[in-house]
Protein backbone atom coordinates (compact mmCIF):
# COMPACT_ATOMS: atom_id res chain seq x y z
CA MET A 1 49.19 35.75 130.31
CA PHE A 2 48.00 35.99 126.73
CA GLN A 3 44.41 38.73 127.34
CA ASP A 4 42.65 39.23 124.13
CA ASP A 5 41.98 43.27 124.28
CA ASP A 6 37.99 42.33 123.20
CA SER A 7 37.13 39.75 126.13
CA ASP A 8 38.06 38.91 129.74
CA GLU A 9 39.34 35.52 128.50
CA PHE A 10 42.70 34.76 128.99
CA GLU A 11 44.25 33.09 126.10
CA ILE A 12 45.48 29.33 127.03
CA LEU A 13 47.23 28.06 123.83
CA GLY A 14 51.05 28.02 124.11
CA SER A 15 50.50 27.99 128.30
CA LEU A 16 51.05 26.72 131.17
CA MET A 17 47.73 25.11 132.87
CA LEU A 18 48.70 24.43 136.53
CA ALA A 19 46.26 22.17 138.77
CA HIS A 20 44.93 24.60 141.60
CA PRO A 21 46.55 22.78 144.93
CA HIS A 22 42.89 21.79 146.07
CA LEU A 23 42.61 19.93 142.68
CA LYS A 24 42.55 16.35 143.58
CA ASP A 25 41.37 14.12 140.59
CA PRO A 26 44.47 11.89 140.39
CA ASN A 27 44.65 12.08 136.59
CA PHE A 28 45.69 15.81 136.84
CA ALA A 29 46.38 16.85 140.66
CA ARG A 30 49.72 18.75 140.91
CA SER A 31 50.09 18.67 137.92
CA VAL A 32 51.46 20.95 134.84
CA VAL A 33 49.83 20.99 131.25
CA LEU A 34 51.39 22.35 128.34
CA MET A 35 48.34 23.79 126.04
CA THR A 36 48.86 22.74 122.48
CA ALA A 37 45.19 23.44 120.91
CA HIS A 38 42.13 25.74 121.87
CA GLU A 39 39.55 25.91 119.54
CA ASP A 40 35.59 25.96 119.75
CA GLU A 41 35.24 22.47 119.43
CA GLY A 42 37.78 21.89 122.66
CA SER A 43 41.39 22.15 123.88
CA LEU A 44 44.41 19.31 123.68
CA GLY A 45 47.39 19.69 126.04
CA VAL A 46 50.32 17.14 127.65
CA VAL A 47 51.36 16.74 130.76
CA VAL A 48 54.48 17.86 131.62
CA ASN A 49 55.65 17.15 134.92
CA ARG A 50 54.87 12.95 135.44
CA SER A 51 57.70 10.90 133.96
CA ALA A 52 56.69 7.52 133.08
CA GLY A 53 60.41 6.74 134.38
CA MET A 54 61.28 4.89 131.10
CA ASN A 55 63.05 6.54 127.90
CA LEU A 56 61.38 5.43 124.43
CA GLY A 57 63.98 2.73 123.51
CA GLU A 58 63.00 1.02 126.66
CA VAL A 59 59.15 0.72 124.88
CA ASP A 60 59.48 0.27 121.35
CA ASP A 61 63.10 -0.79 119.76
CA SER A 62 62.50 1.33 116.70
CA PHE A 63 62.89 4.48 118.54
CA THR A 64 66.31 3.30 118.92
CA ASP A 65 67.08 2.73 115.44
CA LEU A 66 66.49 6.52 114.59
CA GLY A 67 68.47 7.47 117.61
CA LEU A 68 65.96 8.43 120.18
CA GLU A 69 66.40 5.56 122.87
CA ASP A 70 67.24 8.12 125.40
CA VAL A 71 64.22 10.65 125.05
CA PRO A 72 62.21 10.40 128.17
CA LEU A 73 58.81 9.50 128.07
CA TYR A 74 55.73 11.26 130.13
CA ILE A 75 51.79 10.65 130.68
CA GLY A 76 50.72 13.27 128.91
CA GLY A 77 47.40 12.36 130.19
CA PRO A 78 44.85 9.85 130.31
CA VAL A 79 43.03 10.30 126.62
CA ALA A 80 44.59 7.94 123.86
CA SER A 81 47.16 6.50 126.28
CA ASP A 82 48.18 3.90 123.71
CA ARG A 83 49.36 6.76 121.75
CA ILE A 84 52.72 8.35 121.93
CA ILE A 85 53.07 11.90 120.85
CA LEU A 86 56.52 13.35 119.94
CA ALA A 87 57.54 17.03 121.21
CA ALA A 88 60.64 19.09 120.88
CA TRP A 89 61.44 22.84 122.02
CA LYS A 90 64.34 25.08 122.26
CA VAL A 91 64.19 28.54 124.75
CA ASP A 92 66.31 31.16 124.18
CA PRO A 93 66.72 33.18 127.04
CA ILE A 94 67.95 36.08 125.50
CA VAL A 95 64.79 36.68 123.45
CA ASN A 96 62.63 34.93 125.52
CA GLU A 97 61.34 32.98 123.01
CA PHE A 98 60.07 29.29 123.29
CA ARG A 99 59.87 27.51 120.30
CA LEU A 100 57.47 24.44 120.26
CA TYR A 101 57.39 21.51 117.58
CA PHE A 102 54.33 19.30 118.85
CA GLY A 103 53.05 16.09 117.18
CA LEU A 104 56.30 15.00 115.45
CA GLU A 105 56.35 12.04 113.72
CA PRO A 106 59.75 10.29 114.48
CA LYS A 107 61.79 10.61 111.41
CA LYS A 108 61.08 14.51 111.98
CA ALA A 109 61.80 13.97 115.74
CA GLN A 110 65.35 12.30 114.60
CA ALA A 111 66.30 15.50 112.16
CA LYS A 112 64.86 18.20 114.27
CA ARG A 113 67.41 16.38 116.84
CA LEU A 114 70.63 16.12 114.33
CA GLU A 115 69.78 20.15 113.43
CA ASP A 116 70.02 21.48 116.46
CA PRO A 117 71.78 18.95 119.46
CA ASP A 118 70.36 21.29 122.32
CA LEU A 119 66.70 20.84 121.27
CA LYS A 120 64.57 19.22 124.21
CA ILE A 121 62.51 16.31 122.68
CA ARG A 122 60.22 14.58 124.94
CA ALA A 123 57.68 12.00 124.40
CA PHE A 124 54.23 11.68 125.83
CA ARG A 125 51.62 8.43 126.84
CA GLY A 126 48.33 10.05 125.63
CA TYR A 127 47.43 13.62 126.35
CA SER A 128 45.03 15.69 127.96
CA GLY A 129 41.44 16.94 126.41
CA TRP A 130 38.29 18.80 126.81
CA GLY A 131 35.17 18.85 125.31
CA LYS A 132 33.67 22.10 124.04
CA GLU A 133 33.07 24.70 126.80
CA GLN A 134 34.65 21.88 129.16
CA LEU A 135 37.75 24.08 129.64
CA THR A 136 35.55 27.17 130.19
CA GLY A 137 34.14 25.47 133.00
CA GLU A 138 36.82 24.32 134.70
CA LEU A 139 38.50 27.34 134.64
CA SER A 140 35.78 29.42 136.14
CA ASP A 141 35.70 27.04 138.92
CA ASN A 142 39.08 27.60 139.72
CA ALA A 143 40.20 24.13 139.00
CA TRP A 144 43.21 25.46 136.83
CA VAL A 145 45.55 28.30 137.33
CA VAL A 146 47.21 29.24 134.03
CA SER A 147 50.49 31.02 133.57
CA ASP A 148 52.58 32.48 130.47
CA MET A 149 55.01 30.23 129.47
CA ASP A 150 58.08 29.31 131.85
CA GLY A 151 60.65 28.09 129.20
CA TYR A 152 63.24 27.80 132.00
CA ALA A 153 61.39 26.11 134.27
CA LEU A 154 59.68 23.57 131.87
CA THR A 155 63.23 22.65 130.44
CA HIS A 156 65.11 22.53 133.96
CA LEU A 157 62.88 20.79 136.52
CA GLU A 158 60.40 17.88 137.07
CA GLY A 159 57.82 16.84 138.55
CA ASP A 160 56.22 18.32 141.36
CA GLU A 161 59.27 20.93 141.64
CA LEU A 162 58.25 22.06 138.71
CA TRP A 163 54.43 22.74 139.83
CA ARG A 164 55.57 24.61 142.66
CA HIS A 165 58.04 27.08 141.05
CA VAL A 166 55.52 27.91 138.53
CA ILE A 167 52.95 28.25 140.84
CA MET A 168 54.88 30.17 143.20
CA ASN A 169 55.94 32.66 140.60
CA ILE A 170 51.56 33.13 139.45
CA ASN A 171 50.76 33.76 143.25
CA LEU A 172 52.25 33.65 146.62
CA GLU A 173 49.31 32.45 148.18
CA LEU A 174 48.90 29.52 145.88
CA GLY A 175 52.60 28.75 146.14
CA LEU A 176 51.99 28.54 150.02
CA MET A 177 49.37 26.08 149.23
CA SER A 178 51.29 23.95 147.05
CA MET A 179 53.62 23.68 150.06
CA ALA A 180 50.77 21.96 152.02
CA PRO A 181 51.24 17.52 152.31
CA ASP A 182 49.00 15.56 150.36
CA LEU A 183 47.26 14.43 153.74
CA PRO A 184 47.50 17.42 156.49
CA GLU A 185 45.83 15.13 159.02
CA TRP A 186 48.95 13.10 159.08
CA ASN A 187 51.15 15.77 159.97
């Protein structure tokens, strides 16, 4: 995690925020949020482990014309769910670098893909947003766990597997809690 030397607060821009295993909000339970903006006015990110079960070509034919029809669509969050946001990233494991392009216009995403076929492109329906001080409050309430970027996991794992992997790497106790079923009384 990134920490400012002059404060006790962690820098969350560019980090992954994981829902605490006890967070039951249906919008965010077991979610992994890629944080793309964190300012005094508020914070913004997209849920990266909730597939919508379709690709862009199934949403709009114009994406097919741009060669983006196979880009997977994710549910980015409950805000502006009628909006599609494109993001692309690349992980360089040798130098441990994560490069993110967020909020790409479709033609720019097409150009980036042509420049670098190894670039991972994802689309998000909606985003996750927090008002001024809202996220700080939720972090204080331990609703979220902040993690350094795990580019390998983000690129290779999906769904609850991504959430469990990253949370297990943060804290073994949280990792064990993540293995509990949603309704333990049914066991």
